[in-house]
Amino acid sequence: QANKDLISTGMKEFNVLLNQQVFNDPLISEE
């Protein structure tokens, strides 16, 4: 259960990181 809670927390934090990204010129390649 402790590990499941950590996984859930990690997922939430990672999602916040992704949602905070702003794409400005110059953009990097897809790769």
PDB file of all heavy atoms in Angstrom:
ATOM      1  N   GLN A   1       0.832  -1.210   0.000  1.00  0.00           N
ATOM      2  CA  GLN A   1       0.000   0.000   0.000  1.00  0.00           C
ATOM      3  C   GLN A   1       0.863   1.255   0.000  1.00  0.00           C
ATOM      4  O   GLN A   1       0.560   2.217  -0.700  1.00  0.00           O
ATOM      5  CB  GLN A   1      -0.961   0.015   1.197  1.00  0.00           C
ATOM      6  CG  GLN A   1      -1.951   1.167   1.159  1.00  0.00           C
ATOM      7  CD  GLN A   1      -2.782   1.207  -0.118  1.00  0.00           C
ATOM      8  OE1 GLN A   1      -3.340   0.200  -0.531  1.00  0.00           O
ATOM      9  NE2 GLN A   1      -2.853   2.358  -0.766  1.00  0.00           N
ATOM     10  N   ALA A   2       1.942   1.242   0.762  1.00  0.00           N
ATOM     11  CA  ALA A   2       2.836   2.402   0.799  1.00  0.00           C
ATOM     12  C   ALA A   2       3.430   2.650  -0.594  1.00  0.00           C
ATOM     13  O   ALA A   2       3.519   3.802  -1.036  1.00  0.00           O
ATOM     14  CB  ALA A   2       3.953   2.181   1.818  1.00  0.00           C
ATOM     15  N   ASN A   3       3.799   1.588  -1.273  1.00  0.00           N
ATOM     16  CA  ASN A   3       4.352   1.741  -2.621  1.00  0.00           C
ATOM     17  C   ASN A   3       3.294   2.215  -3.603  1.00  0.00           C
ATOM     18  O   ASN A   3       3.573   3.039  -4.476  1.00  0.00           O
ATOM     19  CB  ASN A   3       4.990   0.431  -3.088  1.00  0.00           C
ATOM     20  CG  ASN A   3       6.281   0.126  -2.350  1.00  0.00           C
ATOM     21  OD1 ASN A   3       6.888   1.005  -1.750  1.00  0.00           O
ATOM     22  ND2 ASN A   3       6.692  -1.124  -2.389  1.00  0.00           N
ATOM     23  N   LYS A   4       2.067   1.726  -3.469  1.00  0.00           N
ATOM     24  CA  LYS A   4       0.981   2.192  -4.348  1.00  0.00           C
ATOM     25  C   LYS A   4       0.733   3.685  -4.130  1.00  0.00           C
ATOM     26  O   LYS A   4       0.490   4.429  -5.081  1.00  0.00           O
ATOM     27  CB  LYS A   4      -0.283   1.380  -4.106  1.00  0.00           C
ATOM     28  CG  LYS A   4      -0.201  -0.032  -4.690  1.00  0.00           C
ATOM     29  CD  LYS A   4      -1.568  -0.653  -4.779  1.00  0.00           C
ATOM     30  CE  LYS A   4      -1.522  -2.002  -5.433  1.00  0.00           C
ATOM     31  NZ  LYS A   4      -1.122  -1.970  -6.838  1.00  0.00           N
ATOM     32  N   ASP A   5       0.800   4.110  -2.877  1.00  0.00           N
ATOM     33  CA  ASP A   5       0.641   5.536  -2.573  1.00  0.00           C
ATOM     34  C   ASP A   5       1.763   6.361  -3.194  1.00  0.00           C
ATOM     35  O   ASP A   5       1.525   7.452  -3.723  1.00  0.00           O
ATOM     36  CB  ASP A   5       0.592   5.760  -1.060  1.00  0.00           C
ATOM     37  CG  ASP A   5      -0.660   5.190  -0.409  1.00  0.00           C
ATOM     38  OD1 ASP A   5      -1.628   4.871  -1.137  1.00  0.00           O
ATOM     39  OD2 ASP A   5      -0.663   5.046   0.836  1.00  0.00           O
ATOM     40  N   LEU A   6       2.990   5.846  -3.140  1.00  0.00           N
ATOM     41  CA  LEU A   6       4.117   6.543  -3.764  1.00  0.00           C
ATOM     42  C   LEU A   6       3.940   6.638  -5.281  1.00  0.00           C
ATOM     43  O   LEU A   6       4.217   7.681  -5.877  1.00  0.00           O
ATOM     44  CB  LEU A   6       5.431   5.830  -3.443  1.00  0.00           C
ATOM     45  CG  LEU A   6       6.015   6.068  -2.059  1.00  0.00           C
ATOM     46  CD1 LEU A   6       7.217   5.164  -1.824  1.00  0.00           C
ATOM     47  CD2 LEU A   6       6.418   7.525  -1.892  1.00  0.00           C
ATOM     48  N   ILE A   7       3.486   5.560  -5.885  1.00  0.00           N
ATOM     49  CA  ILE A   7       3.250   5.551  -7.334  1.00  0.00           C
ATOM     50  C   ILE A   7       2.197   6.595  -7.688  1.00  0.00           C
ATOM     51  O   ILE A   7       2.364   7.374  -8.630  1.00  0.00           O
ATOM     52  CB  ILE A   7       2.835   4.146  -7.813  1.00  0.00           C
ATOM     53  CG1 ILE A   7       4.023   3.186  -7.704  1.00  0.00           C
ATOM     54  CG2 ILE A   7       2.295   4.187  -9.252  1.00  0.00           C
ATOM     55  CD1 ILE A   7       3.650   1.723  -7.851  1.00  0.00           C
ATOM     56  N   SER A   8       1.130   6.635  -6.909  1.00  0.00           N
ATOM     57  CA  SER A   8       0.066   7.611  -7.148  1.00  0.00           C
ATOM     58  C   SER A   8       0.595   9.038  -7.016  1.00  0.00           C
ATOM     59  O   SER A   8       0.308   9.898  -7.860  1.00  0.00           O
ATOM     60  CB  SER A   8      -1.077   7.364  -6.166  1.00  0.00           C
ATOM     61  OG  SER A   8      -2.083   8.331  -6.330  1.00  0.00           O
ATOM     62  N   THR A   9       1.394   9.291  -5.994  1.00  0.00           N
ATOM     63  CA  THR A   9       1.978  10.614  -5.802  1.00  0.00           C
ATOM     64  C   THR A   9       2.901  10.965  -6.959  1.00  0.00           C
ATOM     65  O   THR A   9       2.859  12.082  -7.487  1.00  0.00           O
ATOM     66  CB  THR A   9       2.744  10.666  -4.460  1.00  0.00           C
ATOM     67  OG1 THR A   9       1.839  10.406  -3.398  1.00  0.00           O
ATOM     68  CG2 THR A   9       3.408  12.010  -4.249  1.00  0.00           C
ATOM     69  N   GLY A  10       3.738  10.020  -7.350  1.00  0.00           N
ATOM     70  CA  GLY A  10       4.646  10.257  -8.468  1.00  0.00           C
ATOM     71  C   GLY A  10       3.912  10.583  -9.749  1.00  0.00           C
ATOM     72  O   GLY A  10       4.310  11.473 -10.502  1.00  0.00           O
ATOM     73  N   MET A  11       2.815   9.875  -9.992  1.00  0.00           N
ATOM     74  CA  MET A  11       2.013  10.129 -11.193  1.00  0.00           C
ATOM     75  C   MET A  11       1.413  11.528 -11.155  1.00  0.00           C
ATOM     76  O   MET A  11       1.426  12.245 -12.166  1.00  0.00           O
ATOM     77  CB  MET A  11       0.917   9.076 -11.322  1.00  0.00           C
ATOM     78  CG  MET A  11       1.427   7.701 -11.676  1.00  0.00           C
ATOM     79  SD  MET A  11       0.147   6.430 -11.575  1.00  0.00           S
ATOM     80  CE  MET A  11      -1.048   7.054 -12.755  1.00  0.00           C
ATOM     81  N   LYS A  12       0.893  11.923 -10.004  1.00  0.00           N
ATOM     82  CA  LYS A  12       0.301  13.261  -9.881  1.00  0.00           C
ATOM     83  C   LYS A  12       1.351  14.338 -10.112  1.00  0.00           C
ATOM     84  O   LYS A  12       1.106  15.315 -10.827  1.00  0.00           O
ATOM     85  CB  LYS A  12      -0.338  13.426  -8.507  1.00  0.00           C
ATOM     86  CG  LYS A  12      -1.610  12.639  -8.331  1.00  0.00           C
ATOM     87  CD  LYS A  12      -2.145  12.767  -6.918  1.00  0.00           C
ATOM     88  CE  LYS A  12      -3.306  11.800  -6.701  1.00  0.00           C
ATOM     89  NZ  LYS A  12      -3.668  11.692  -5.292  1.00  0.00           N
ATOM     90  N   GLU A  13       2.522  14.163  -9.499  1.00  0.00           N
ATOM     91  CA  GLU A  13       3.591  15.157  -9.655  1.00  0.00           C
ATOM     92  C   GLU A  13       4.080  15.222 -11.100  1.00  0.00           C
ATOM     93  O   GLU A  13       4.346  16.312 -11.624  1.00  0.00           O
ATOM     94  CB  GLU A  13       4.749  14.832  -8.719  1.00  0.00           C
ATOM     95  CG  GLU A  13       4.410  15.031  -7.255  1.00  0.00           C
ATOM     96  CD  GLU A  13       5.501  14.554  -6.309  1.00  0.00           C
ATOM     97  OE1 GLU A  13       6.487  13.936  -6.778  1.00  0.00           O
ATOM     98  OE2 GLU A  13       5.365  14.792  -5.100  1.00  0.00           O
ATOM     99  N   PHE A  14       4.198  14.081 -11.743  1.00  0.00           N
ATOM    100  CA  PHE A  14       4.653  14.034 -13.132  1.00  0.00           C
ATOM    101  C   PHE A  14       3.631  14.710 -14.041  1.00  0.00           C
ATOM    102  O   PHE A  14       4.001  15.453 -14.958  1.00  0.00           O
ATOM    103  CB  PHE A  14       4.875  12.578 -13.553  1.00  0.00           C
ATOM    104  CG  PHE A  14       5.559  12.417 -14.881  1.00  0.00           C
ATOM    105  CD1 PHE A  14       6.899  12.690 -15.027  1.00  0.00           C
ATOM    106  CD2 PHE A  14       4.847  11.971 -15.990  1.00  0.00           C
ATOM    107  CE1 PHE A  14       7.541  12.537 -16.251  1.00  0.00           C
ATOM    108  CE2 PHE A  14       5.476  11.814 -17.216  1.00  0.00           C
ATOM    109  CZ  PHE A  14       6.824  12.097 -17.340  1.00  0.00           C
ATOM    110  N   ASN A  15       2.367  14.483 -13.770  1.00  0.00           N
ATOM    111  CA  ASN A  15       1.312  15.117 -14.560  1.00  0.00           C
ATOM    112  C   ASN A  15       1.369  16.639 -14.412  1.00  0.00           C
ATOM    113  O   ASN A  15       1.168  17.367 -15.391  1.00  0.00           O
ATOM    114  CB  ASN A  15      -0.049  14.563 -14.141  1.00  0.00           C
ATOM    115  CG  ASN A  15      -1.031  14.563 -15.279  1.00  0.00           C
ATOM    116  OD1 ASN A  15      -0.655  14.482 -16.442  1.00  0.00           O
ATOM    117  ND2 ASN A  15      -2.292  14.646 -14.949  1.00  0.00           N
ATOM    118  N   VAL A  16       1.646  17.117 -13.212  1.00  0.00           N
ATOM    119  CA  VAL A  16       1.800  18.561 -12.997  1.00  0.00           C
ATOM    120  C   VAL A  16       2.963  19.089 -13.833  1.00  0.00           C
ATOM    121  O   VAL A  16       2.850  20.126 -14.495  1.00  0.00           O
ATOM    122  CB  VAL A  16       2.006  18.873 -11.494  1.00  0.00           C
ATOM    123  CG1 VAL A  16       2.450  20.315 -11.282  1.00  0.00           C
ATOM    124  CG2 VAL A  16       0.724  18.591 -10.714  1.00  0.00           C
ATOM    125  N   LEU A  17       4.079  18.360 -13.818  1.00  0.00           N
ATOM    126  CA  LEU A  17       5.240  18.756 -14.625  1.00  0.00           C
ATOM    127  C   LEU A  17       4.862  18.868 -16.100  1.00  0.00           C
ATOM    128  O   LEU A  17       5.186  19.862 -16.759  1.00  0.00           O
ATOM    129  CB  LEU A  17       6.377  17.745 -14.446  1.00  0.00           C
ATOM    130  CG  LEU A  17       7.579  17.919 -15.369  1.00  0.00           C
ATOM    131  CD1 LEU A  17       8.359  19.179 -15.009  1.00  0.00           C
ATOM    132  CD2 LEU A  17       8.476  16.694 -15.310  1.00  0.00           C
ATOM    133  N   LEU A  18       4.178  17.876 -16.618  1.00  0.00           N
ATOM    134  CA  LEU A  18       3.789  17.898 -18.030  1.00  0.00           C
ATOM    135  C   LEU A  18       2.854  19.065 -18.323  1.00  0.00           C
ATOM    136  O   LEU A  18       2.997  19.736 -19.354  1.00  0.00           O
ATOM    137  CB  LEU A  18       3.117  16.582 -18.421  1.00  0.00           C
ATOM    138  CG  LEU A  18       3.989  15.329 -18.378  1.00  0.00           C
ATOM    139  CD1 LEU A  18       3.163  14.101 -18.734  1.00  0.00           C
ATOM    140  CD2 LEU A  18       5.196  15.447 -19.298  1.00  0.00           C
ATOM    141  N   ASN A  19       1.915  19.312 -17.429  1.00  0.00           N
ATOM    142  CA  ASN A  19       0.933  20.384 -17.652  1.00  0.00           C
ATOM    143  C   ASN A  19       1.541  21.781 -17.530  1.00  0.00           C
ATOM    144  O   ASN A  19       0.950  22.751 -17.998  1.00  0.00           O
ATOM    145  CB  ASN A  19      -0.244  20.237 -16.699  1.00  0.00           C
ATOM    146  CG  ASN A  19      -1.108  19.050 -17.049  1.00  0.00           C
ATOM    147  OD1 ASN A  19      -1.199  18.645 -18.200  1.00  0.00           O
ATOM    148  ND2 ASN A  19      -1.735  18.456 -16.048  1.00  0.00           N
ATOM    149  N   GLN A  20       2.706  21.888 -16.909  1.00  0.00           N
ATOM    150  CA  GLN A  20       3.355  23.192 -16.737  1.00  0.00           C
ATOM    151  C   GLN A  20       4.183  23.598 -17.949  1.00  0.00           C
ATOM    152  O   GLN A  20       4.644  24.736 -18.014  1.00  0.00           O
ATOM    153  CB  GLN A  20       4.284  23.170 -15.510  1.00  0.00           C
ATOM    154  CG  GLN A  20       3.561  23.146 -14.205  1.00  0.00           C
ATOM    155  CD  GLN A  20       4.529  23.053 -13.031  1.00  0.00           C
ATOM    156  OE1 GLN A  20       5.671  22.638 -13.178  1.00  0.00           O
ATOM    157  NE2 GLN A  20       4.055  23.438 -11.862  1.00  0.00           N
ATOM    158  N   GLN A  21       4.364  22.697 -18.888  1.00  0.00           N
ATOM    159  CA  GLN A  21       5.250  22.989 -20.018  1.00  0.00           C
ATOM    160  C   GLN A  21       4.611  24.011 -20.951  1.00  0.00           C
ATOM    161  O   GLN A  21       3.439  23.935 -21.272  1.00  0.00           O
ATOM    162  CB  GLN A  21       5.593  21.709 -20.774  1.00  0.00           C
ATOM    163  CG  GLN A  21       6.298  20.685 -19.929  1.00  0.00           C
ATOM    164  CD  GLN A  21       7.447  21.261 -19.122  1.00  0.00           C
ATOM    165  OE1 GLN A  21       8.374  21.849 -19.677  1.00  0.00           O
ATOM    166  NE2 GLN A  21       7.376  21.125 -17.806  1.00  0.00           N
ATOM    167  N   VAL A  22       5.425  24.961 -21.359  1.00  0.00           N
ATOM    168  CA  VAL A  22       5.018  25.990 -22.304  1.00  0.00           C
ATOM    169  C   VAL A  22       5.945  25.860 -23.511  1.00  0.00           C
ATOM    170  O   VAL A  22       7.162  25.771 -23.353  1.00  0.00           O
ATOM    171  CB  VAL A  22       5.145  27.399 -21.679  1.00  0.00           C
ATOM    172  CG1 VAL A  22       4.793  28.474 -22.694  1.00  0.00           C
ATOM    173  CG2 VAL A  22       4.270  27.508 -20.440  1.00  0.00           C
ATOM    174  N   PHE A  23       5.370  25.837 -24.677  1.00  0.00           N
ATOM    175  CA  PHE A  23       6.152  25.645 -25.895  1.00  0.00           C
ATOM    176  C   PHE A  23       6.368  26.978 -26.581  1.00  0.00           C
ATOM    177  O   PHE A  23       5.436  27.606 -27.044  1.00  0.00           O
ATOM    178  CB  PHE A  23       5.448  24.664 -26.834  1.00  0.00           C
ATOM    179  CG  PHE A  23       5.097  23.374 -26.164  1.00  0.00           C
ATOM    180  CD1 PHE A  23       3.779  22.991 -26.027  1.00  0.00           C
ATOM    181  CD2 PHE A  23       6.083  22.550 -25.642  1.00  0.00           C
ATOM    182  CE1 PHE A  23       3.449  21.794 -25.401  1.00  0.00           C
ATOM    183  CE2 PHE A  23       5.763  21.356 -25.019  1.00  0.00           C
ATOM    184  CZ  PHE A  23       4.442  20.977 -24.901  1.00  0.00           C
ATOM    185  N   ASN A  24       7.607  27.389 -26.642  1.00  0.00           N
ATOM    186  CA  ASN A  24       7.976  28.648 -27.282  1.00  0.00           C
ATOM    187  C   ASN A  24       8.975  28.387 -28.395  1.00  0.00           C
ATOM    188  O   ASN A  24       9.687  27.397 -28.377  1.00  0.00           O
ATOM    189  CB  ASN A  24       8.627  29.600 -26.260  1.00  0.00           C
ATOM    190  CG  ASN A  24       7.661  30.008 -25.169  1.00  0.00           C
ATOM    191  OD1 ASN A  24       6.524  30.334 -25.445  1.00  0.00           O
ATOM    192  ND2 ASN A  24       8.120  29.996 -23.933  1.00  0.00           N
ATOM    193  N   ASP A  25       9.024  29.338 -29.339  1.00  0.00           N
ATOM    194  CA  ASP A  25      10.072  29.264 -30.358  1.00  0.00           C
ATOM    195  C   ASP A  25      11.393  29.589 -29.691  1.00  0.00           C
ATOM    196  O   ASP A  25      11.434  30.450 -28.822  1.00  0.00           O
ATOM    197  CB  ASP A  25       9.790  30.275 -31.477  1.00  0.00           C
ATOM    198  CG  ASP A  25       8.820  29.722 -32.503  1.00  0.00           C
ATOM    199  OD1 ASP A  25       8.809  28.498 -32.707  1.00  0.00           O
ATOM    200  OD2 ASP A  25       8.086  30.520 -33.103  1.00  0.00           O
ATOM    201  N   PRO A  26      12.478  28.971 -30.053  1.00  0.00           N
ATOM    202  CA  PRO A  26      12.536  27.867 -31.003  1.00  0.00           C
ATOM    203  C   PRO A  26      12.158  26.544 -30.328  1.00  0.00           C
ATOM    204  O   PRO A  26      12.528  26.286 -29.187  1.00  0.00           O
ATOM    205  CB  PRO A  26      14.004  27.853 -31.430  1.00  0.00           C
ATOM    206  CG  PRO A  26      14.740  28.379 -30.245  1.00  0.00           C
ATOM    207  CD  PRO A  26      13.804  29.366 -29.583  1.00  0.00           C
ATOM    208  N   LEU A  27      11.399  25.763 -31.051  1.00  0.00           N
ATOM    209  CA  LEU A  27      10.993  24.451 -30.549  1.00  0.00           C
ATOM    210  C   LEU A  27      12.103  23.443 -30.797  1.00  0.00           C
ATOM    211  O   LEU A  27      12.853  23.559 -31.755  1.00  0.00           O
ATOM    212  CB  LEU A  27       9.720  24.001 -31.268  1.00  0.00           C
ATOM    213  CG  LEU A  27       8.485  24.869 -31.026  1.00  0.00           C
ATOM    214  CD1 LEU A  27       7.358  24.435 -31.953  1.00  0.00           C
ATOM    215  CD2 LEU A  27       8.049  24.780 -29.585  1.00  0.00           C
ATOM    216  N   ILE A  28      12.183  22.460 -29.922  1.00  0.00           N
ATOM    217  CA  ILE A  28      13.150  21.388 -30.147  1.00  0.00           C
ATOM    218  C   ILE A  28      12.489  20.318 -31.007  1.00  0.00           C
ATOM    219  O   ILE A  28      11.266  20.283 -31.148  1.00  0.00           O
ATOM    220  CB  ILE A  28      13.672  20.804 -28.815  1.00  0.00           C
ATOM    221  CG1 ILE A  28      12.545  20.161 -28.000  1.00  0.00           C
ATOM    222  CG2 ILE A  28      14.391  21.878 -28.017  1.00  0.00           C
ATOM    223  CD1 ILE A  28      13.009  19.443 -26.737  1.00  0.00           C
ATOM    224  N   SER A  29      13.284  19.441 -31.553  1.00  0.00           N
ATOM    225  CA  SER A  29      12.738  18.394 -32.414  1.00  0.00           C
ATOM    226  C   SER A  29      11.911  17.409 -31.597  1.00  0.00           C
ATOM    227  O   SER A  29      12.034  17.326 -30.367  1.00  0.00           O
ATOM    228  CB  SER A  29      13.874  17.648 -33.121  1.00  0.00           C
ATOM    229  OG  SER A  29      14.580  16.847 -32.184  1.00  0.00           O
ATOM    230  N   GLU A  30      11.079  16.658 -32.302  1.00  0.00           N
ATOM    231  CA  GLU A  30      10.271  15.629 -31.637  1.00  0.00           C
ATOM    232  C   GLU A  30      11.169  14.610 -30.941  1.00  0.00           C
ATOM    233  O   GLU A  30      10.894  14.210 -29.808  1.00  0.00           O
ATOM    234  CB  GLU A  30       9.384  14.937 -32.674  1.00  0.00           C
ATOM    235  CG  GLU A  30       8.492  13.871 -32.084  1.00  0.00           C
ATOM    236  CD  GLU A  30       7.652  13.173 -33.138  1.00  0.00           C
ATOM    237  OE1 GLU A  30       7.673  13.564 -34.321  1.00  0.00           O
ATOM    238  OE2 GLU A  30       6.961  12.214 -32.767  1.00  0.00           O
ATOM    239  N   GLU A  31      12.247  14.211 -31.595  1.00  0.00           N
ATOM    240  CA  GLU A  31      13.171  13.239 -31.015  1.00  0.00           C
ATOM    241  C   GLU A  31      13.807  13.784 -29.740  1.00  0.00           C
ATOM    242  O   GLU A  31      13.970  13.046 -28.761  1.00  0.00           O
ATOM    243  CB  GLU A  31      14.257  12.854 -32.024  1.00  0.00           C
ATOM    244  CG  GLU A  31      13.749  12.123 -33.238  1.00  0.00           C
ATOM    245  CD  GLU A  31      13.132  13.056 -34.304  1.00  0.00           C
ATOM    246  OE1 GLU A  31      13.367  14.287 -34.262  1.00  0.00           O
ATOM    247  OE2 GLU A  31      12.398  12.555 -35.162  1.00  0.00           O
TER     248      GLU A  31
END
